[in-house]
Structures are given as C-alpha cells and as structure tokens.
C-alpha cells in the first residue's frame, strides 16, 4: 500500500483526521484544521470550498493523487472528497513527504 494512504490511516486511528465536507468545515471554522486534502476526482465546487476552508483556517490545501474511491476503501467511509488533518506535526510531516516525493 502507498505510504500516503498508510499515513492517512495512521492519522485516522490517532483521531487527527476529519473526513467529509461538513466535518472539515467545522474544524476549519474552529481553526483546528492544519492541512486540507482533496481527492484527485473531487469536483471543482468542492475544490473551491476546500480553498475557502483553508483560507478560513489559515492552512494549506493540497490535492491528493488518490481518487475518492481509493480514500474511501482505506478509511472505510464511503467516497470522501475532502479530508482535514488536525495535528500540526502530522500535517507538516505529510506535506514534507509529499514535497519530497516520498508519498507518491
């Protein structure tokens, strides 16, 4: 399994991953979201909302190279188009690995 998907599974088990638009929006409004992620096949409207949530929470928005179906299979939650990491350390580690190409 891909390292990124493993990382997201770890974040979920640690309780540091919010899944779905409403959950991400609530966490972003409360300034608890540290990184917002969208699935590769998320619609344009959802991507714009993700950008707005990221601006609201003063955090980054990163599109993922994984489809909603792949994320859903890993997370056991339907087909989520948007995720949020709520832990600063996890968000930073995920971003660094993504930039270095260790995740893809």
C-alpha atoms as a PDB file:
ATOM      1  CA  UNK A   1       0.000   0.000   0.000  1.00  0.00           C
ATOM      2  CA  UNK A   2       1.131   3.536  -0.743  1.00  0.00           C
ATOM      3  CA  UNK A   3       2.898   5.394   2.078  1.00  0.00           C
ATOM      4  CA  UNK A   4       0.425   8.293   1.859  1.00  0.00           C
ATOM      5  CA  UNK A   5      -2.541   6.027   2.331  1.00  0.00           C
ATOM      6  CA  UNK A   6      -0.783   4.388   5.284  1.00  0.00           C
ATOM      7  CA  UNK A   7      -0.133   7.844   6.736  1.00  0.00           C
ATOM      8  CA  UNK A   8      -3.793   8.844   6.386  1.00  0.00           C
ATOM      9  CA  UNK A   9      -4.844   5.587   8.046  1.00  0.00           C
ATOM     10  CA  UNK A  10      -2.497   6.357  10.931  1.00  0.00           C
ATOM     11  CA  UNK A  11      -3.931   9.877  11.261  1.00  0.00           C
ATOM     12  CA  UNK A  12      -7.455   8.411  11.346  1.00  0.00           C
ATOM     13  CA  UNK A  13      -6.546   5.894  14.051  1.00  0.00           C
ATOM     14  CA  UNK A  14      -4.937   8.705  16.060  1.00  0.00           C
ATOM     15  CA  UNK A  15      -8.132  10.755  15.816  1.00  0.00           C
ATOM     16  CA  UNK A  16      -6.348  13.506  13.881  1.00  0.00           C
ATOM     17  CA  UNK A  17      -8.185  13.140  10.574  1.00  0.00           C
ATOM     18  CA  UNK A  18     -11.586  14.630   9.799  1.00  0.00           C
ATOM     19  CA  UNK A  19     -13.487  13.192   6.881  1.00  0.00           C
ATOM     20  CA  UNK A  20     -16.115  14.868   4.733  1.00  0.00           C
ATOM     21  CA  UNK A  21     -17.100  18.406   3.881  1.00  0.00           C
ATOM     22  CA  UNK A  22     -19.175  19.230   6.973  1.00  0.00           C
ATOM     23  CA  UNK A  23     -16.547  17.891   9.403  1.00  0.00           C
ATOM     24  CA  UNK A  24     -13.741  19.749   7.640  1.00  0.00           C
ATOM     25  CA  UNK A  25     -15.794  22.951   7.580  1.00  0.00           C
ATOM     26  CA  UNK A  26     -16.499  22.764  11.324  1.00  0.00           C
ATOM     27  CA  UNK A  27     -12.845  22.124  12.161  1.00  0.00           C
ATOM     28  CA  UNK A  28     -11.693  24.899   9.813  1.00  0.00           C
ATOM     29  CA  UNK A  29     -14.093  27.388  11.413  1.00  0.00           C
ATOM     30  CA  UNK A  30     -12.683  26.451  14.810  1.00  0.00           C
ATOM     31  CA  UNK A  31      -9.107  26.884  13.467  1.00  0.00           C
ATOM     32  CA  UNK A  32      -8.248  23.265  14.262  1.00  0.00           C
ATOM     33  CA  UNK A  33      -7.505  22.159  10.695  1.00  0.00           C
ATOM     34  CA  UNK A  34      -3.801  22.235   9.846  1.00  0.00           C
ATOM     35  CA  UNK A  35      -3.962  20.756   6.321  1.00  0.00           C
ATOM     36  CA  UNK A  36      -6.895  20.216   3.964  1.00  0.00           C
ATOM     37  CA  UNK A  37      -6.699  17.499   1.317  1.00  0.00           C
ATOM     38  CA  UNK A  38      -8.937  16.814  -1.666  1.00  0.00           C
ATOM     39  CA  UNK A  39      -9.296  13.686  -3.775  1.00  0.00           C
ATOM     40  CA  UNK A  40      -7.993  13.761  -7.334  1.00  0.00           C
ATOM     41  CA  UNK A  41     -11.511  13.368  -8.711  1.00  0.00           C
ATOM     42  CA  UNK A  42     -13.189  15.897  -6.409  1.00  0.00           C
ATOM     43  CA  UNK A  43     -15.433  18.331  -8.263  1.00  0.00           C
ATOM     44  CA  UNK A  44     -14.497  21.938  -8.944  1.00  0.00           C
ATOM     45  CA  UNK A  45     -17.070  23.195  -6.449  1.00  0.00           C
ATOM     46  CA  UNK A  46     -15.618  21.060  -3.660  1.00  0.00           C
ATOM     47  CA  UNK A  47     -12.092  22.191  -4.542  1.00  0.00           C
ATOM     48  CA  UNK A  48     -13.190  25.834  -4.284  1.00  0.00           C
ATOM     49  CA  UNK A  49     -14.822  25.133  -0.924  1.00  0.00           C
ATOM     50  CA  UNK A  50     -11.628  23.414   0.234  1.00  0.00           C
ATOM     51  CA  UNK A  51      -9.670  26.544  -0.726  1.00  0.00           C
ATOM     52  CA  UNK A  52     -12.135  28.672   1.238  1.00  0.00           C
ATOM     53  CA  UNK A  53     -11.879  26.368   4.265  1.00  0.00           C
ATOM     54  CA  UNK A  54      -8.067  26.533   4.052  1.00  0.00           C
ATOM     55  CA  UNK A  55      -8.181  30.322   3.925  1.00  0.00           C
ATOM     56  CA  UNK A  56     -10.565  30.350   6.904  1.00  0.00           C
ATOM     57  CA  UNK A  57      -8.266  28.090   8.949  1.00  0.00           C
ATOM     58  CA  UNK A  58      -5.076  29.745   7.641  1.00  0.00           C
ATOM     59  CA  UNK A  59      -3.728  26.397   6.471  1.00  0.00           C
ATOM     60  CA  UNK A  60      -2.712  24.777   3.198  1.00  0.00           C
ATOM     61  CA  UNK A  61      -4.946  22.947   0.752  1.00  0.00           C
ATOM     62  CA  UNK A  62      -3.313  20.103  -1.154  1.00  0.00           C
ATOM     63  CA  UNK A  63      -4.868  17.983  -3.882  1.00  0.00           C
ATOM     64  CA  UNK A  64      -4.080  14.286  -3.493  1.00  0.00           C
ATOM     65  CA  UNK A  65      -3.167  11.830  -6.247  1.00  0.00           C
ATOM     66  CA  UNK A  66      -5.842   9.422  -4.967  1.00  0.00           C
ATOM     67  CA  UNK A  67      -9.464   9.091  -6.014  1.00  0.00           C
ATOM     68  CA  UNK A  68     -12.441   9.278  -3.694  1.00  0.00           C
ATOM     69  CA  UNK A  69     -12.871   5.522  -4.110  1.00  0.00           C
ATOM     70  CA  UNK A  70      -9.271   4.819  -3.015  1.00  0.00           C
ATOM     71  CA  UNK A  71      -9.666   7.083   0.021  1.00  0.00           C
ATOM     72  CA  UNK A  72     -12.999   5.503   0.881  1.00  0.00           C
ATOM     73  CA  UNK A  73     -11.556   1.991   0.749  1.00  0.00           C
ATOM     74  CA  UNK A  74      -8.741   2.975   3.102  1.00  0.00           C
ATOM     75  CA  UNK A  75     -10.837   4.986   5.525  1.00  0.00           C
ATOM     76  CA  UNK A  76     -13.973   2.877   5.441  1.00  0.00           C
ATOM     77  CA  UNK A  77     -16.150   5.936   4.900  1.00  0.00           C
ATOM     78  CA  UNK A  78     -17.939   5.935   1.545  1.00  0.00           C
ATOM     79  CA  UNK A  79     -16.146   8.075  -1.022  1.00  0.00           C
ATOM     80  CA  UNK A  80     -14.825  11.183   0.739  1.00  0.00           C
ATOM     81  CA  UNK A  81     -13.703  14.022  -1.498  1.00  0.00           C
ATOM     82  CA  UNK A  82     -12.201  16.138   1.270  1.00  0.00           C
ATOM     83  CA  UNK A  83     -10.139  15.408   4.383  1.00  0.00           C
ATOM     84  CA  UNK A  84      -8.532  17.520   7.066  1.00  0.00           C
ATOM     85  CA  UNK A  85      -5.546  16.796   9.279  1.00  0.00           C
ATOM     86  CA  UNK A  86      -5.910  18.457  12.692  1.00  0.00           C
ATOM     87  CA  UNK A  87      -2.455  17.802  14.138  1.00  0.00           C
ATOM     88  CA  UNK A  88       0.341  20.249  13.265  1.00  0.00           C
ATOM     89  CA  UNK A  89       3.096  17.640  13.399  1.00  0.00           C
ATOM     90  CA  UNK A  90       1.214  15.183  11.208  1.00  0.00           C
ATOM     91  CA  UNK A  91       0.274  17.892   8.720  1.00  0.00           C
ATOM     92  CA  UNK A  92       3.868  19.068   8.489  1.00  0.00           C
ATOM     93  CA  UNK A  93       5.242  15.537   8.086  1.00  0.00           C
ATOM     94  CA  UNK A  94       2.665  14.700   5.408  1.00  0.00           C
ATOM     95  CA  UNK A  95       3.419  17.922   3.490  1.00  0.00           C
ATOM     96  CA  UNK A  96       7.173  17.365   3.666  1.00  0.00           C
ATOM     97  CA  UNK A  97       6.858  13.813   2.399  1.00  0.00           C
ATOM     98  CA  UNK A  98       4.575  14.956  -0.398  1.00  0.00           C
ATOM     99  CA  UNK A  99       7.022  17.695  -1.475  1.00  0.00           C
ATOM    100  CA  UNK A 100       9.965  15.275  -1.392  1.00  0.00           C
ATOM    101  CA  UNK A 101       8.020  12.794  -3.475  1.00  0.00           C
ATOM    102  CA  UNK A 102       8.138  10.134  -0.768  1.00  0.00           C
ATOM    103  CA  UNK A 103       4.383   9.787  -0.753  1.00  0.00           C
ATOM    104  CA  UNK A 104       3.510   9.445  -4.392  1.00  0.00           C
END
